[in-house]
Protein backbone atom coordinates (compact mmCIF):
# COMPACT_ATOMS: atom_id res chain seq x y z
CA MET A 1 132.20 74.16 144.03
CA LYS A 2 133.49 75.67 140.77
CA THR A 3 131.77 77.18 137.74
CA ASN A 4 133.34 78.15 134.42
CA LEU A 5 132.37 79.07 130.89
CA TYR A 6 133.36 76.30 128.52
CA LEU A 7 133.33 75.89 124.71
CA ASP A 8 132.29 72.33 123.87
CA THR A 9 134.40 71.58 120.79
CA ARG A 10 132.94 68.07 120.52
CA LYS A 11 129.55 69.20 119.28
CA LYS A 12 129.51 71.47 116.26
CA ASN A 13 126.41 72.03 114.14
CA SER A 14 126.10 72.18 110.35
CA SER A 15 127.23 75.83 110.39
CA GLU A 16 130.51 74.97 112.17
CA LEU A 17 129.32 76.63 115.39
CA TYR A 18 130.10 75.19 118.81
CA PRO A 19 127.99 75.51 121.99
CA VAL A 20 129.19 77.58 124.95
CA LYS A 21 128.25 75.90 128.22
CA ILE A 22 128.63 76.51 131.92
CA SER A 23 130.62 73.78 133.63
CA VAL A 24 129.71 73.07 137.25
CA SER A 25 131.85 70.88 139.50
CA ALA A 26 129.78 69.55 142.38
CA HIS A 27 129.46 66.33 144.39
CA SER A 28 132.72 65.01 142.85
CA GLN A 29 131.17 65.36 139.39
CA THR A 30 131.28 67.89 136.58
CA PHE A 31 128.18 68.61 134.51
CA TYR A 32 127.44 71.15 131.79
CA ILE A 33 124.57 73.59 131.38
CA SER A 34 123.65 74.88 127.95
CA THR A 35 123.59 78.66 127.49
CA GLY A 36 122.03 78.57 124.03
CA VAL A 37 125.05 80.43 122.61
CA ARG A 38 126.97 79.00 119.64
CA ILE A 39 130.12 80.50 118.09
CA PRO A 40 132.94 79.48 115.73
CA ILE A 41 135.90 77.89 117.47
CA ALA A 42 138.14 80.79 116.35
CA ALA A 43 135.90 83.27 118.21
CA TRP A 44 136.61 81.72 121.61
CA ASP A 45 139.41 82.95 123.89
CA ARG A 46 140.14 79.73 125.74
CA LYS A 47 142.48 81.30 128.32
CA ASN A 48 140.12 84.08 129.43
CA ARG A 49 136.92 82.15 128.66
CA VAL A 50 135.35 84.97 126.64
CA VAL A 51 134.31 85.65 123.08
CA VAL A 52 137.12 87.54 121.33
CA SER A 53 136.50 91.24 120.84
CA GLY A 54 136.63 91.12 117.02
CA TYR A 55 133.65 88.76 116.78
CA THR A 56 130.23 90.19 115.88
CA ASN A 57 128.29 91.34 118.97
CA ALA A 58 131.09 89.99 121.20
CA SER A 59 130.36 92.50 123.98
CA TYR A 60 126.66 91.61 124.06
CA ILE A 61 127.33 87.86 123.98
CA ASN A 62 129.91 88.08 126.77
CA SER A 63 127.51 90.14 128.87
CA SER A 64 124.80 87.51 128.38
CA LEU A 65 127.18 84.67 129.25
CA PHE A 66 128.47 86.39 132.37
CA SER A 67 124.90 87.17 133.44
CA MET A 68 123.91 83.50 133.11
CA LYS A 69 127.03 82.39 134.97
CA SER A 70 126.29 84.91 137.74
CA ARG A 71 122.75 83.59 138.08
CA VAL A 72 124.08 80.04 138.38
CA GLU A 73 126.57 81.12 141.06
CA ALA A 74 123.90 83.08 142.91
CA LYS A 75 121.57 80.05 142.93
CA ILE A 76 124.38 77.83 144.23
CA LEU A 77 125.10 80.37 146.98
CA LEU A 78 121.43 80.48 147.99
CA LEU A 79 121.26 76.66 148.15
CA GLN A 80 124.41 76.64 150.29
CA GLN A 81 122.95 79.21 152.68
CA GLU A 82 119.75 77.18 152.95
CA GLY A 83 121.80 74.05 153.67
CA THR A 84 120.09 72.07 150.91
CA ILE A 85 122.87 71.75 148.36
CA SER A 86 124.50 68.78 150.11
CA LYS A 87 121.15 66.96 150.25
CA ILE A 88 120.40 66.94 146.53
CA SER A 89 121.95 64.92 143.72
CA ALA A 90 124.07 66.39 140.94
CA LEU A 91 121.23 65.64 138.51
CA THR A 92 118.71 67.56 140.63
CA LEU A 93 121.16 70.44 141.02
CA LYS A 94 121.67 70.56 137.26
CA GLY A 95 117.91 70.79 136.72
CA LEU A 96 117.61 73.65 139.21
CA LEU A 97 120.46 75.56 137.58
CA GLU A 98 119.11 75.01 134.06
CA LYS A 99 115.77 76.39 135.24
CA GLU A 100 117.55 79.38 136.77
CA ILE A 101 119.17 80.53 133.52
CA SER A 102 116.05 79.89 131.48
CA ILE A 103 114.34 82.65 133.50
CA ASN A 104 114.73 86.19 132.26
CA PRO A 105 117.21 88.17 134.32
CA VAL A 106 115.86 90.29 137.14
CA LYS A 107 115.29 93.88 136.07
CA LYS A 108 117.21 96.22 138.30
CA ASP A 109 116.74 99.91 138.89
CA THR A 110 119.89 102.03 138.73
CA GLY A 111 119.92 102.79 142.44
CA SER A 112 119.22 99.25 143.61
CA PHE A 113 122.53 98.59 145.38
CA TYR A 114 122.48 101.84 147.35
CA SER A 115 118.82 101.51 148.34
CA SER A 116 119.34 97.84 149.23
CA PHE A 117 122.32 98.79 151.39
CA VAL A 118 120.22 101.32 153.31
CA GLU A 119 117.35 98.84 153.59
CA PHE A 120 119.64 96.08 154.86
CA MET A 121 121.33 98.45 157.32
CA LYS A 122 117.95 99.24 158.88
CA THR A 123 117.51 95.55 159.76
CA LYS A 124 120.43 95.82 162.20
CA ASN A 125 119.00 96.47 165.64
CA LYS A 126 122.27 97.00 167.50
CA PRO A 127 123.58 100.57 167.19
CA ASN A 128 127.22 99.43 167.06
CA THR A 129 126.52 97.03 164.18
CA ARG A 130 124.57 99.66 162.29
CA GLN A 131 127.45 102.08 162.80
CA VAL A 132 129.86 99.66 161.13
CA TYR A 133 127.62 99.52 158.04
CA GLU A 134 127.23 103.30 158.08
CA SER A 135 131.02 103.57 157.97
CA THR A 136 131.13 101.41 154.83
CA LEU A 137 128.35 103.40 153.20
CA HIS A 138 130.24 106.60 154.00
CA ARG A 139 133.35 105.26 152.25
CA ILE A 140 131.28 104.29 149.21
CA GLU A 141 129.79 107.79 149.12
CA GLN A 142 133.31 109.25 149.21
CA TYR A 143 134.44 106.94 146.39
CA GLU A 144 131.40 107.30 144.12
CA ALA A 145 130.40 110.79 143.01
CA GLN A 146 126.76 109.66 142.65
CA ALA A 147 126.63 106.82 145.15
CA GLU A 148 122.84 106.97 145.43
CA ASN A 149 122.66 105.81 141.79
CA LEU A 150 125.09 102.92 142.26
CA SER A 151 123.69 99.74 140.74
CA PHE A 152 124.50 96.09 141.33
CA GLU A 153 125.71 95.81 137.73
CA LYS A 154 128.41 98.41 138.28
CA ILE A 155 129.93 96.57 141.25
CA SER A 156 132.08 94.20 139.24
CA ILE A 157 135.35 92.52 140.24
CA GLU A 158 137.15 95.50 138.69
CA TRP A 159 135.08 97.94 140.78
CA LEU A 160 135.92 96.02 143.95
CA GLU A 161 139.62 95.96 143.07
CA HIS A 162 139.70 99.71 142.38
CA PHE A 163 137.74 100.40 145.57
CA ASN A 164 140.27 98.31 147.50
CA SER A 165 143.15 100.35 146.05
CA TRP A 166 141.37 103.59 146.92
CA LEU A 167 140.71 102.37 150.49
CA LEU A 168 144.46 101.97 151.06
CA SER A 169 144.67 105.71 151.69
CA TYR A 170 142.31 105.33 154.65
CA CYS A 171 142.79 101.73 155.83
CA LYS A 172 146.35 100.41 155.74
CA SER A 173 145.32 97.17 157.44
CA ALA A 174 143.88 94.42 155.23
CA ASN A 175 141.58 93.43 158.09
CA SER A 176 140.17 96.96 158.28
CA ARG A 177 139.44 96.96 154.55
CA SER A 178 137.98 93.46 154.75
CA ILE A 179 135.23 94.76 157.06
CA HIS A 180 133.97 97.02 154.26
CA PHE A 181 134.02 94.19 151.71
CA ARG A 182 132.24 91.78 154.03
CA ASN A 183 129.57 94.44 154.55
CA ILE A 184 129.16 94.88 150.77
CA ARG A 185 129.02 91.10 150.35
CA SER A 186 126.30 90.88 153.02
CA VAL A 187 124.21 93.37 151.04
CA PHE A 188 124.61 91.24 147.90
CA ASN A 189 123.57 88.12 149.84
CA TYR A 190 120.55 89.99 151.21
CA ALA A 191 119.61 91.24 147.73
CA ILE A 192 119.95 87.79 146.18
CA LYS A 193 117.80 86.26 148.91
CA HIS A 194 115.09 88.86 148.30
CA LYS A 195 115.40 88.52 144.50
CA LYS A 196 116.61 92.08 143.98
CA THR A 197 119.58 90.96 141.86
CA ASP A 198 121.18 87.88 140.37
CA ILE A 199 124.70 89.30 140.26
CA TYR A 200 127.42 88.09 142.64
CA PRO A 201 130.95 89.46 142.05
CA PHE A 202 132.32 87.83 145.22
CA ALA A 203 132.45 84.41 143.59
CA LYS A 204 135.79 85.51 142.08
CA PHE A 205 136.85 88.40 144.33
CA LYS A 206 138.90 87.28 147.32
CA ILE A 207 138.58 89.39 150.46
CA GLU A 208 142.04 89.99 151.89
CA SER A 209 142.80 89.23 155.51
CA GLN A 210 145.82 88.89 157.73
CA GLU A 211 146.30 87.04 160.97
CA THR A 212 145.25 89.19 163.90
CA LYS A 213 148.11 90.10 166.19
CA HIS A 214 147.72 88.44 169.58
CA ARG A 215 146.80 91.03 172.17
CA CYS A 216 148.01 89.31 175.31
CA LEU A 217 150.66 89.78 177.96
CA THR A 218 152.97 87.11 179.28
CA ILE A 219 152.55 86.15 182.94
CA GLN A 220 155.68 88.19 183.76
CA GLU A 221 154.41 91.27 181.92
CA LEU A 222 150.98 90.99 183.54
CA ARG A 223 152.51 90.76 187.03
CA LYS A 224 154.66 93.80 186.26
CA LEU A 225 151.54 95.75 185.29
CA TRP A 226 149.56 94.35 188.22
CA ASP A 227 152.20 95.53 190.71
CA ALA A 228 152.95 98.90 189.07
CA GLU A 229 153.78 101.67 191.55
CA THR A 230 154.23 105.46 191.63
CA LEU A 231 150.86 106.10 190.00
CA SER A 232 148.66 109.18 190.04
CA ASP A 233 145.17 108.85 191.50
CA THR A 234 143.72 108.66 187.97
CA GLU A 235 146.24 106.02 186.87
CA ARG A 236 145.59 103.98 190.03
CA ARG A 237 141.85 104.06 189.37
CA HIS A 238 142.36 103.00 185.76
CA LEU A 239 144.78 100.22 186.68
CA ASP A 240 142.25 98.96 189.23
CA THR A 241 139.67 99.05 186.44
CA PHE A 242 141.91 96.93 184.17
CA LYS A 243 142.39 94.44 187.02
CA LEU A 244 138.64 94.30 187.61
CA ILE A 245 138.06 93.65 183.90
CA PHE A 246 140.54 90.78 184.12
CA CYS A 247 138.94 89.39 187.30
CA LEU A 248 135.58 89.42 185.52
CA ILE A 249 137.01 87.33 182.64
CA GLY A 250 137.62 90.20 180.25
CA ILE A 251 134.28 91.98 180.50
CA ASN A 252 133.87 94.60 177.76
CA THR A 253 134.11 98.23 178.91
CA ILE A 254 130.61 98.97 177.58
CA ASP A 255 129.19 96.17 179.72
CA LEU A 256 131.29 97.23 182.72
CA PHE A 257 130.05 100.79 182.36
CA ASN A 258 126.42 99.61 182.30
CA LEU A 259 126.70 97.01 185.09
CA ARG A 260 124.09 96.89 187.81
CA GLU A 261 125.02 96.11 191.40
CA PRO A 262 125.86 92.46 192.11
CA MET A 263 123.20 90.09 193.38
CA ALA A 264 124.27 87.47 195.93
CA GLY A 265 127.90 87.97 194.95
CA HIS A 266 127.23 87.49 191.24
CA ILE A 267 127.69 89.83 188.28
CA LYS A 268 124.86 89.29 185.80
CA TYR A 269 124.63 91.01 182.44
CA ASN A 270 123.87 90.57 178.74
CA ARG A 271 126.97 91.18 176.61
CA ALA A 272 126.34 94.10 174.23
CA LYS A 273 128.46 92.66 171.43
CA THR A 274 126.94 89.15 171.23
CA SER A 275 123.78 89.26 173.40
CA THR A 276 125.25 86.40 175.44
CA ASN A 277 124.01 86.14 179.04
CA TYR A 278 126.75 86.14 181.67
CA ASP A 279 126.59 85.10 185.32
CA ILE A 280 130.00 85.49 187.00
CA LEU A 281 130.75 84.82 190.64
CA ILE A 282 132.81 87.76 191.89
CA PRO A 283 136.21 86.35 192.91
CA ASP A 284 137.82 87.45 196.19
CA GLU A 285 140.55 89.29 194.24
CA ALA A 286 137.93 91.64 192.79
CA LEU A 287 136.37 92.71 196.10
CA PRO A 288 139.01 95.30 197.13
CA LEU A 289 139.02 96.65 193.57
CA ILE A 290 135.26 97.14 193.63
CA GLU A 291 135.53 98.82 197.03
CA ARG A 292 138.09 101.32 195.70
CA LEU A 293 136.08 101.95 192.53
CA LYS A 294 132.77 102.68 194.25
CA GLY A 295 131.07 105.92 193.32
CA GLU A 296 129.09 108.32 195.47
CA LYS A 297 125.84 107.98 193.52
CA ASN A 298 126.58 105.06 191.20
CA TRP A 299 127.85 101.61 191.96
CA LEU A 300 131.14 102.30 190.12
CA VAL A 301 132.83 105.67 190.00
CA PHE A 302 133.58 105.92 186.28
CA CYS A 303 129.84 106.22 185.55
CA GLU A 304 130.01 109.54 187.42
CA LYS A 305 133.17 110.75 185.68
CA HIS A 306 132.12 109.91 182.09
CA SER A 307 128.79 110.39 180.33
CA LYS A 308 129.36 107.68 177.71
CA PRO A 309 131.12 104.28 177.65
CA HIS A 310 133.25 105.41 174.70
CA ASN A 311 134.71 108.32 176.67
CA PHE A 312 135.39 106.00 179.60
CA THR A 313 137.21 103.51 177.34
CA MET A 314 139.36 106.22 175.75
CA ALA A 315 140.40 107.62 179.15
CA LEU A 316 141.15 104.14 180.47
CA ASN A 317 143.31 103.19 177.47
CA LYS A 318 145.18 106.50 177.61
CA SER A 319 146.18 105.85 181.24
CA LEU A 320 147.15 102.26 180.51
CA LYS A 321 149.38 103.44 177.65
CA GLY A 322 151.27 105.80 179.96
CA ILE A 323 151.72 103.13 182.64
CA CYS A 324 152.90 100.49 180.16
CA GLU A 325 155.45 102.81 178.56
CA ARG A 326 156.82 103.74 181.96
CA ILE A 327 157.29 100.14 183.16
CA ASP A 328 158.52 98.98 179.74
CA ILE A 329 155.91 96.40 178.70
CA PRO A 330 153.78 96.24 175.53
CA VAL A 331 151.14 98.97 175.44
CA VAL A 332 147.79 97.42 176.29
CA THR A 333 144.17 98.43 175.94
CA SER A 334 141.24 97.23 178.03
CA TYR A 335 140.61 94.43 175.50
CA TRP A 336 143.97 92.85 176.27
CA ALA A 337 142.53 91.63 179.58
CA ARG A 338 140.16 89.28 177.75
CA HIS A 339 142.86 87.90 175.43
CA THR A 340 145.37 87.54 178.25
CA TRP A 341 142.86 85.72 180.48
CA ALA A 342 142.13 83.21 177.71
CA THR A 343 145.83 82.69 176.91
CA LEU A 344 146.80 82.12 180.55
CA ALA A 345 143.84 79.79 181.04
CA SER A 346 145.06 77.71 178.12
CA SER A 347 148.64 77.71 179.43
CA ILE A 348 147.52 76.11 182.71
CA ASP A 349 145.59 73.41 180.84
CA ILE A 350 142.04 74.60 181.39
CA PRO A 351 139.91 72.75 178.77
CA ILE A 352 139.16 74.73 175.64
CA ASP A 353 135.40 74.11 176.08
CA THR A 354 135.53 75.71 179.54
CA ILE A 355 137.46 78.70 178.16
CA ALA A 356 134.90 79.06 175.37
CA GLN A 357 132.07 78.95 177.92
CA ALA A 358 133.83 81.56 180.07
CA LEU A 359 134.22 83.88 177.07
CA GLY A 360 130.65 83.30 175.93
CA HIS A 361 131.64 81.66 172.64
CA LYS A 362 129.01 79.39 171.11
CA SER A 363 130.72 77.13 168.62
CA HIS A 364 128.40 74.15 169.09
CA LYS A 365 124.98 75.72 168.64
CA VAL A 366 123.06 72.46 168.18
CA THR A 367 124.82 70.72 171.06
CA ASP A 368 124.21 73.72 173.32
CA ILE A 369 120.47 73.08 173.05
CA TYR A 370 120.85 69.74 174.82
CA ILE A 371 123.71 70.44 177.25
CA MET A 372 123.27 72.47 180.44
CA HIS A 373 126.65 74.12 180.98
CA ASP A 374 128.10 74.04 184.48
CA PRO A 375 128.90 77.61 185.65
CA GLN A 376 131.03 76.14 188.44
CA LYS A 377 133.61 75.13 185.82
CA VAL A 378 133.97 78.79 184.81
CA THR A 379 134.25 79.86 188.45
CA ASP A 380 136.95 77.25 189.09
CA ALA A 381 138.81 78.26 185.94
CA ASN A 382 138.81 81.93 186.95
CA GLU A 383 140.11 81.04 190.42
CA LYS A 384 142.95 79.01 188.88
CA VAL A 385 143.95 81.84 186.53
CA LEU A 386 143.99 84.41 189.34
CA LYS A 387 145.92 82.03 191.59
CA TYR A 388 148.46 81.53 188.81
CA ILE A 389 149.02 85.29 188.56
CA LYS A 390 149.53 85.57 192.32
CA THR A 391 151.61 82.46 193.06
CA GLY A 392 152.86 81.11 189.73
CA VAL A 393 151.32 77.74 190.63
CA LYS A 394 149.39 76.08 187.82
């Protein structure tokens, strides 16, 4: 769906002034919304779709036009989020958009973006999610001398572009920077929904991204790691931990750290990252690992050696790095177990739906309401993957 400012040169009035309209392409049609602005044809910059700077009150007129266009785009975004835009005709949509720009713009206080960011951040119940938003707010505070006074109006496409250039000093990866921009965009969406602003710079600003590097080992590399020798006691414990993570279908280290003792041979937990419920039958390959990793007071020993999951993860990844460098394979982290499990499962022709179920992905939310998933399929898939590592038989 596209919107543009457009000078209608077909309809001049007696004073040789032409109407500026907003063109909207939707439902395979293009319709035009009147802005109430009329200018001479010579005052219109057709390429940049603005009133030329030499024209009387050009700055004010352009500001008004951009404001109306932003309100149209914000209304379209809201209708898309509500899922209603595909259900209404182009004529109905035109009426809604005409009504939107006939309303006076929302009055905004100078600190509205900053206060809205803080307000939105408080709606995030998970500490890890809130921490991600706090990181973005911290970067904004570093960039803006008076961040607490930052308004929605100031965050234009130019502001976003300059902020992106500034972020390069801290975040070389486009994907790392994109997290900050998606967070800012979420605040705009929240503010639009709650009628705090009608501005939306992300209609024209493209958030950069790059394909994520696959974090998985080949079957040969995994076997080499699995069978690594000449390890210290700490390295052996950490390698056993990596193997256990793999045997439990790539369980996150936070969830592993917080695991309760198994019940009837099953690991049951709620994944911290997605709140997905897991019920995994402990495979035979995991039993000796669990036995070696038992603690004196806790079920697993690393809960006694580390006070926080983060410290446990850092120590684990440090050991894995040393082992990988010594046996000459790509340096892995604990998260590679999850990616490698999924890749190997796919390579031995386990159905993608079963892999998705094993990883806790919910890509068919409506269908999931009606279908009772079979946990035995996940158990069988895990057995096949572990057998493949051991024997090479698919």
